[in-house]
Each structure stands twice: as C-alpha cells, then as structure tokens.
C-alpha atoms as a PDB file:
ATOM      1  CA  MET A   1     -15.319   3.163 -34.735  1.00  0.00           C
ATOM      2  CA  SER A   2     -17.976   3.057 -37.399  1.00  0.00           C
ATOM      3  CA  PHE A   3     -20.717   2.057 -34.981  1.00  0.00           C
ATOM      4  CA  LEU A   4     -20.953   5.658 -33.662  1.00  0.00           C
ATOM      5  CA  ARG A   5     -20.000   7.897 -36.605  1.00  0.00           C
ATOM      6  CA  ASN A   6     -23.053  10.082 -37.046  1.00  0.00           C
ATOM      7  CA  ILE A   7     -22.071  13.490 -35.711  1.00  0.00           C
ATOM      8  CA  LYS A   8     -20.798  16.112 -38.141  1.00  0.00           C
ATOM      9  CA  GLY A   9     -18.065  18.480 -36.938  1.00  0.00           C
ATOM     10  CA  ASP A  10     -17.905  22.200 -37.708  1.00  0.00           C
ATOM     11  CA  GLY A  11     -14.158  22.819 -37.291  1.00  0.00           C
ATOM     12  CA  ARG A  12     -14.094  24.113 -33.706  1.00  0.00           C
ATOM     13  CA  THR A  13     -11.088  23.313 -31.486  1.00  0.00           C
ATOM     14  CA  ASP A  14     -11.224  20.942 -28.525  1.00  0.00           C
ATOM     15  CA  LYS A  15     -11.036  23.879 -26.101  1.00  0.00           C
ATOM     16  CA  GLU A  16     -13.901  25.661 -27.844  1.00  0.00           C
ATOM     17  CA  LEU A  17     -16.063  22.548 -27.720  1.00  0.00           C
ATOM     18  CA  ILE A  18     -15.226  21.963 -24.040  1.00  0.00           C
ATOM     19  CA  SER A  19     -16.124  25.541 -23.201  1.00  0.00           C
ATOM     20  CA  LEU A  20     -19.352  25.362 -25.207  1.00  0.00           C
ATOM     21  CA  TYR A  21     -20.323  22.069 -23.577  1.00  0.00           C
ATOM     22  CA  LYS A  22     -19.717  23.423 -20.079  1.00  0.00           C
ATOM     23  CA  GLU A  23     -21.915  26.445 -20.830  1.00  0.00           C
ATOM     24  CA  SER A  24     -24.727  24.666 -22.650  1.00  0.00           C
ATOM     25  CA  GLU A  25     -24.468  21.057 -21.407  1.00  0.00           C
ATOM     26  CA  ASP A  26     -25.451  20.103 -24.948  1.00  0.00           C
ATOM     27  CA  LEU A  27     -24.630  16.410 -25.485  1.00  0.00           C
ATOM     28  CA  SER A  28     -24.297  16.869 -29.239  1.00  0.00           C
ATOM     29  CA  VAL A  29     -21.364  19.235 -28.585  1.00  0.00           C
ATOM     30  CA  LEU A  30     -19.776  16.672 -26.284  1.00  0.00           C
ATOM     31  CA  GLY A  31     -20.509  13.976 -28.879  1.00  0.00           C
ATOM     32  CA  GLU A  32     -18.696  15.977 -31.553  1.00  0.00           C
ATOM     33  CA  LEU A  33     -15.670  16.314 -29.292  1.00  0.00           C
ATOM     34  CA  TYR A  34     -15.747  12.661 -28.215  1.00  0.00           C
ATOM     35  CA  GLN A  35     -16.094  11.372 -31.772  1.00  0.00           C
ATOM     36  CA  ARG A  36     -12.653  12.795 -32.604  1.00  0.00           C
ATOM     37  CA  TYR A  37     -11.052  10.440 -30.098  1.00  0.00           C
ATOM     38  CA  MET A  38     -13.329   7.376 -30.088  1.00  0.00           C
ATOM     39  CA  ASP A  39     -10.757   5.329 -31.994  1.00  0.00           C
ATOM     40  CA  LEU A  40      -8.199   6.155 -29.304  1.00  0.00           C
ATOM     41  CA  VAL A  41     -10.622   5.213 -26.502  1.00  0.00           C
ATOM     42  CA  TYR A  42     -11.598   2.006 -28.290  1.00  0.00           C
ATOM     43  CA  GLY A  43      -7.930   1.097 -28.742  1.00  0.00           C
ATOM     44  CA  VAL A  44      -7.224   1.628 -25.036  1.00  0.00           C
ATOM     45  CA  CYS A  45     -10.228  -0.490 -24.042  1.00  0.00           C
ATOM     46  CA  LEU A  46      -9.331  -3.244 -26.501  1.00  0.00           C
ATOM     47  CA  LYS A  47      -5.777  -3.283 -25.163  1.00  0.00           C
ATOM     48  CA  TYR A  48      -7.045  -3.940 -21.613  1.00  0.00           C
ATOM     49  CA  PHE A  49     -10.065  -6.160 -22.259  1.00  0.00           C
ATOM     50  CA  LYS A  50      -8.918  -8.092 -25.350  1.00  0.00           C
ATOM     51  CA  GLU A  51     -12.611  -8.432 -26.340  1.00  0.00           C
ATOM     52  CA  PRO A  52     -14.042  -6.156 -29.069  1.00  0.00           C
ATOM     53  CA  GLU A  53     -17.610  -6.184 -27.696  1.00  0.00           C
ATOM     54  CA  ARG A  54     -16.512  -5.354 -24.178  1.00  0.00           C
ATOM     55  CA  ALA A  55     -14.286  -2.591 -25.555  1.00  0.00           C
ATOM     56  CA  LYS A  56     -17.252  -1.116 -27.492  1.00  0.00           C
ATOM     57  CA  ASP A  57     -19.416  -1.203 -24.359  1.00  0.00           C
ATOM     58  CA  SER A  58     -16.676   0.586 -22.449  1.00  0.00           C
ATOM     59  CA  VAL A  59     -16.454   3.308 -25.110  1.00  0.00           C
ATOM     60  CA  MET A  60     -20.120   4.058 -24.380  1.00  0.00           C
ATOM     61  CA  MET A  61     -19.632   3.905 -20.591  1.00  0.00           C
ATOM     62  CA  ILE A  62     -16.684   6.290 -20.823  1.00  0.00           C
ATOM     63  CA  PHE A  63     -18.855   8.741 -22.767  1.00  0.00           C
ATOM     64  CA  GLU A  64     -21.392   8.555 -19.929  1.00  0.00           C
ATOM     65  CA  GLU A  65     -18.611   9.254 -17.411  1.00  0.00           C
ATOM     66  CA  LEU A  66     -17.438  12.130 -19.575  1.00  0.00           C
ATOM     67  CA  VAL A  67     -20.866  13.816 -19.353  1.00  0.00           C
ATOM     68  CA  THR A  68     -20.296  14.582 -15.646  1.00  0.00           C
ATOM     69  CA  LYS A  69     -16.502  14.501 -15.263  1.00  0.00           C
ATOM     70  CA  LEU A  70     -15.729  17.060 -17.973  1.00  0.00           C
ATOM     71  CA  LYS A  71     -17.863  19.645 -16.141  1.00  0.00           C
ATOM     72  CA  LYS A  72     -15.777  19.194 -12.971  1.00  0.00           C
ATOM     73  CA  HIS A  73     -12.290  19.442 -14.486  1.00  0.00           C
ATOM     74  CA  GLU A  74     -10.206  22.125 -16.151  1.00  0.00           C
ATOM     75  CA  VAL A  75      -8.828  20.275 -19.139  1.00  0.00           C
ATOM     76  CA  GLU A  76      -5.900  21.742 -21.058  1.00  0.00           C
ATOM     77  CA  ASN A  77      -5.144  18.784 -23.332  1.00  0.00           C
ATOM     78  CA  PHE A  78      -8.371  16.865 -23.943  1.00  0.00           C
ATOM     79  CA  LYS A  79      -6.748  13.978 -25.801  1.00  0.00           C
ATOM     80  CA  SER A  80      -4.308  13.196 -22.972  1.00  0.00           C
ATOM     81  CA  TRP A  81      -6.964  13.678 -20.312  1.00  0.00           C
ATOM     82  CA  LEU A  82      -9.400  11.387 -22.144  1.00  0.00           C
ATOM     83  CA  TYR A  83      -6.697   8.740 -22.610  1.00  0.00           C
ATOM     84  CA  GLN A  84      -6.088   8.730 -18.850  1.00  0.00           C
ATOM     85  CA  LEU A  85      -9.831   8.615 -18.143  1.00  0.00           C
ATOM     86  CA  ALA A  86     -10.206   5.605 -20.472  1.00  0.00           C
ATOM     87  CA  LYS A  87      -7.218   3.837 -18.933  1.00  0.00           C
ATOM     88  CA  ASN A  88      -8.536   4.387 -15.393  1.00  0.00           C
ATOM     89  CA  HIS A  89     -11.992   3.179 -16.425  1.00  0.00           C
ATOM     90  CA  CYS A  90     -10.539  -0.056 -17.817  1.00  0.00           C
ATOM     91  CA  LEU A  91      -8.368  -0.660 -14.773  1.00  0.00           C
ATOM     92  CA  MET A  92     -11.321  -0.130 -12.439  1.00  0.00           C
ATOM     93  CA  GLN A  93     -13.419  -2.557 -14.481  1.00  0.00           C
ATOM     94  CA  LEU A  94     -10.675  -5.154 -14.262  1.00  0.00           C
ATOM     95  CA  ARG A  95     -10.446  -4.714 -10.487  1.00  0.00           C
ATOM     96  CA  THR A  96     -14.137  -5.285  -9.782  1.00  0.00           C
ATOM     97  CA  PRO A  97     -14.953  -8.386  -7.708  1.00  0.00           C
ATOM     98  CA  LYS A  98     -16.569 -10.216 -10.642  1.00  0.00           C
ATOM     99  CA  ASN A  99     -13.140 -10.261 -12.299  1.00  0.00           C
ATOM    100  CA  LEU A 100     -11.333 -11.620  -9.261  1.00  0.00           C
ATOM    101  CA  LYS A 101     -10.580 -15.294  -9.342  1.00  0.00           C
ATOM    102  CA  THR A 102     -10.865 -17.208  -6.080  1.00  0.00           C
ATOM    103  CA  VAL A 103      -9.275 -20.478  -5.070  1.00  0.00           C
ATOM    104  CA  GLU A 104     -10.739 -22.882  -2.545  1.00  0.00           C
ATOM    105  CA  ILE A 105      -8.279 -23.680   0.276  1.00  0.00           C
ATOM    106  CA  SER A 106      -8.684 -26.868   2.235  1.00  0.00           C
ATOM    107  CA  ALA A 107      -9.405 -26.466   5.955  1.00  0.00           C
ATOM    108  CA  GLU A 108      -6.559 -28.874   6.789  1.00  0.00           C
ATOM    109  CA  LEU A 109      -4.063 -26.447   5.249  1.00  0.00           C
ATOM    110  CA  MET A 110      -5.294 -23.525   7.330  1.00  0.00           C
ATOM    111  CA  GLN A 111      -3.856 -22.734  10.723  1.00  0.00           C
ATOM    112  CA  SER A 112      -6.348 -21.630  13.326  1.00  0.00           C
ATOM    113  CA  GLU A 113      -5.968 -18.249  14.968  1.00  0.00           C
ATOM    114  CA  GLU A 114      -5.812 -19.902  18.389  1.00  0.00           C
ATOM    115  CA  SER A 115      -2.807 -22.070  17.523  1.00  0.00           C
ATOM    116  CA  VAL A 116      -0.965 -19.110  15.963  1.00  0.00           C
ATOM    117  CA  HIS A 117      -1.642 -17.027  19.062  1.00  0.00           C
ATOM    118  CA  LEU A 118      -0.587 -19.804  21.434  1.00  0.00           C
ATOM    119  CA  ASN A 119       2.568 -20.498  19.436  1.00  0.00           C
ATOM    120  CA  GLY A 120       3.480 -16.809  19.686  1.00  0.00           C
ATOM    121  CA  VAL A 121       2.855 -16.820  23.455  1.00  0.00           C
ATOM    122  CA  PHE A 122       4.994 -19.914  23.955  1.00  0.00           C
ATOM    123  CA  GLU A 123       7.817 -18.511  21.791  1.00  0.00           C
ATOM    124  CA  LYS A 124       7.748 -15.226  23.692  1.00  0.00           C
ATOM    125  CA  GLU A 125       7.728 -17.000  27.041  1.00  0.00           C
ATOM    126  CA  GLU A 126      10.677 -19.168  25.981  1.00  0.00           C
ATOM    127  CA  SER A 127      12.611 -16.096  24.799  1.00  0.00           C
ATOM    128  CA  LEU A 128      11.982 -14.353  28.116  1.00  0.00           C
ATOM    129  CA  LYS A 129      13.312 -17.398  29.987  1.00  0.00           C
ATOM    130  CA  LYS A 130      16.460 -17.381  27.814  1.00  0.00           C
ATOM    131  CA  LEU A 131      16.891 -13.664  28.422  1.00  0.00           C
ATOM    132  CA  GLU A 132      16.459 -14.043  32.187  1.00  0.00           C
ATOM    133  CA  ASN A 133      18.962 -16.916  32.202  1.00  0.00           C
ATOM    134  CA  CYS A 134      21.506 -14.857  30.240  1.00  0.00           C
ATOM    135  CA  LEU A 135      20.938 -11.806  32.458  1.00  0.00           C
ATOM    136  CA  GLU A 136      21.920 -13.891  35.486  1.00  0.00           C
ATOM    137  CA  LYS A 137      25.230 -14.781  33.790  1.00  0.00           C
ATOM    138  CA  LEU A 138      26.268 -11.100  33.492  1.00  0.00           C
ATOM    139  CA  GLU A 139      28.566  -9.372  35.965  1.00  0.00           C
ATOM    140  CA  LYS A 140      26.682  -7.701  38.825  1.00  0.00           C
ATOM    141  CA  GLU A 141      27.157  -4.111  37.531  1.00  0.00           C
ATOM    142  CA  GLN A 142      26.237  -5.038  33.960  1.00  0.00           C
ATOM    143  CA  ARG A 143      23.138  -6.896  35.166  1.00  0.00           C
ATOM    144  CA  SER A 144      21.923  -4.047  37.387  1.00  0.00           C
ATOM    145  CA  THR A 145      22.531  -1.286  34.798  1.00  0.00           C
ATOM    146  CA  ILE A 146      20.876  -3.360  32.026  1.00  0.00           C
ATOM    147  CA  ARG A 147      17.817  -3.967  34.232  1.00  0.00           C
ATOM    148  CA  LEU A 148      17.572  -0.283  35.156  1.00  0.00           C
ATOM    149  CA  PHE A 149      18.042   0.956  31.587  1.00  0.00           C
ATOM    150  CA  TYR A 150      16.012  -1.560  29.560  1.00  0.00           C
ATOM    151  CA  LEU A 151      13.494  -3.008  31.979  1.00  0.00           C
ATOM    152  CA  GLU A 152      12.791   0.025  34.165  1.00  0.00           C
ATOM    153  CA  GLY A 153      13.362   2.679  31.479  1.00  0.00           C
ATOM    154  CA  LYS A 154      15.861   4.768  33.457  1.00  0.00           C
ATOM    155  CA  CYS A 155      18.242   7.158  31.700  1.00  0.00           C
ATOM    156  CA  TYR A 156      21.996   7.197  32.258  1.00  0.00           C
ATOM    157  CA  ASN A 157      21.802  10.093  34.751  1.00  0.00           C
ATOM    158  CA  GLU A 158      19.124   8.325  36.823  1.00  0.00           C
ATOM    159  CA  ILE A 159      21.228   5.150  36.887  1.00  0.00           C
ATOM    160  CA  VAL A 160      24.232   7.226  38.077  1.00  0.00           C
ATOM    161  CA  ASP A 161      22.066   8.589  40.937  1.00  0.00           C
ATOM    162  CA  ILE A 162      20.712   5.127  41.853  1.00  0.00           C
ATOM    163  CA  THR A 163      23.986   3.173  41.668  1.00  0.00           C
ATOM    164  CA  GLY A 164      26.544   5.832  42.544  1.00  0.00           C
ATOM    165  CA  LEU A 165      28.638   4.789  39.549  1.00  0.00           C
ATOM    166  CA  GLU A 166      30.300   7.296  37.222  1.00  0.00           C
ATOM    167  CA  TRP A 167      28.416   8.205  34.028  1.00  0.00           C
ATOM    168  CA  LYS A 168      31.141   6.676  31.801  1.00  0.00           C
ATOM    169  CA  LYS A 169      31.046   3.446  33.815  1.00  0.00           C
ATOM    170  CA  VAL A 170      27.238   3.246  33.467  1.00  0.00           C
ATOM    171  CA  ARG A 171      27.524   3.674  29.709  1.00  0.00           C
ATOM    172  CA  SER A 172      30.277   1.063  29.529  1.00  0.00           C
ATOM    173  CA  PHE A 173      28.357  -1.476  31.657  1.00  0.00           C
ATOM    174  CA  ILE A 174      25.221  -1.032  29.518  1.00  0.00           C
ATOM    175  CA  GLN A 175      27.099  -1.373  26.220  1.00  0.00           C
ATOM    176  CA  ASN A 176      29.149  -4.365  27.355  1.00  0.00           C
ATOM    177  CA  GLY A 177      26.133  -5.951  29.055  1.00  0.00           C
ATOM    178  CA  ARG A 178      24.042  -5.621  25.902  1.00  0.00           C
ATOM    179  CA  ARG A 179      26.833  -7.185  23.801  1.00  0.00           C
ATOM    180  CA  ASN A 180      27.287 -10.042  26.308  1.00  0.00           C
ATOM    181  CA  LEU A 181      23.529 -10.656  26.395  1.00  0.00           C
ATOM    182  CA  LYS A 182      23.430 -10.874  22.615  1.00  0.00           C
ATOM    183  CA  ILE A 183      26.314 -13.344  22.568  1.00  0.00           C
ATOM    184  CA  CYS A 184      24.682 -15.450  25.272  1.00  0.00           C
ATOM    185  CA  MET A 185      21.277 -15.483  23.490  1.00  0.00           C
ATOM    186  CA  GLU A 186      22.934 -16.503  20.208  1.00  0.00           C
ATOM    187  CA  LYS A 187      24.727 -19.364  21.974  1.00  0.00           C
ATOM    188  CA  VAL A 188      21.452 -20.541  23.531  1.00  0.00           C
ATOM    189  CA  ASP A 189      19.722 -20.431  20.125  1.00  0.00           C
ATOM    190  CA  THR A 190      22.445 -22.468  18.446  1.00  0.00           C
ATOM    191  CA  GLY A 191      22.905 -24.851  21.408  1.00  0.00           C
ATOM    192  CA  ASP A 192      26.572 -23.878  21.979  1.00  0.00           C
ATOM    193  CA  GLN A 193      26.127 -23.225  25.677  1.00  0.00           C
END
C-alpha cells in the first residue's frame, strides 16, 4: 500500500500502541498501528469490491471508523479485530441501496391485494362448507363430542358432564370423529365422494 507509507514505527507492540492511542488520542500513533495492517485491509477490500480504487477509498474510510471504534473496544488481537472490522465495512457497503439492483415488474403480472384477500375468503368459506357437510355424516356421538371439543373449546371432563358419557368414550368418539372427518375431507378434495 505505497500510497500511505509515510509513518515511521518505533518498535512498540500493537497493545502498547492501542493503549497509547486510547490515552492520548494521537492520530499518528493510530496511523503507526494501522500502517502495519494496511496491506491486509486493502486485500480484504479488494476481495469484496474487485476494484482497486474503491478498495483504496475503503482503506481510508476504515481508518476513519477506527478512530472512534478502537476507543470503545477492548482489543486483544488487533490484527484479527481489524480484519473483522474491514470485512464488516465491505459487507455494509455492498448492502447499501445504491448497490441493490431493481427489476421492473409489469402490472399485469401482479395480483392485487383485493383479489388475494377475496380468494382466501372464498377458499375458507368453501372449506367450512366441506367441514360442515362432513360433520353431518358422523355418528351422533362423534358429531356432538367433536363440536363440543373443537368448536366450543370444552375439555374432556366438561364433555363428560354435558353428555353423561364415560371419559374413555368421550376420548374415543373425539379420536374416531377426527379421523373420520379427515377421511371425509380428503375424499371431498379428491372427488371420491
């Protein structure tokens, strides 16, 4: 990254430079630290953008982000942390609206909300009619226990109290009624009635 090589290092470790920068907020200290890894940052940006000029611009923008973000974070491994910062920066740039491609969709291909809503209402109404028809085909006890359990929300014990049937019988009528309803609805759907 020859376009930014103008800061001379004095042999301090990354941790020492981070600590010194946080105390002094001296940009030349941060610049010395950043210069060590500019090739890495440039490589990450080039990988995502595929354009050298855009990658160089991003190297500068990431340095600007670093000015504030490094103060807010406890960084143990600066190289890894900076790599992740660069990667996130590139991904965010790629997600901005100016990078999104849009496609014009013809109005004839679009379905209006009203027709979708009405179709759903008609389908639901038709299903309810099928269900009501199949309910009427059940045995009397199955029909009454199914209505009490599913349509009125009664529990087994309440159905026992209402119908006078034994608990086991209620359970059996509900299970068999549900199975028979399913079979009937499947026959109606396939036209095998």
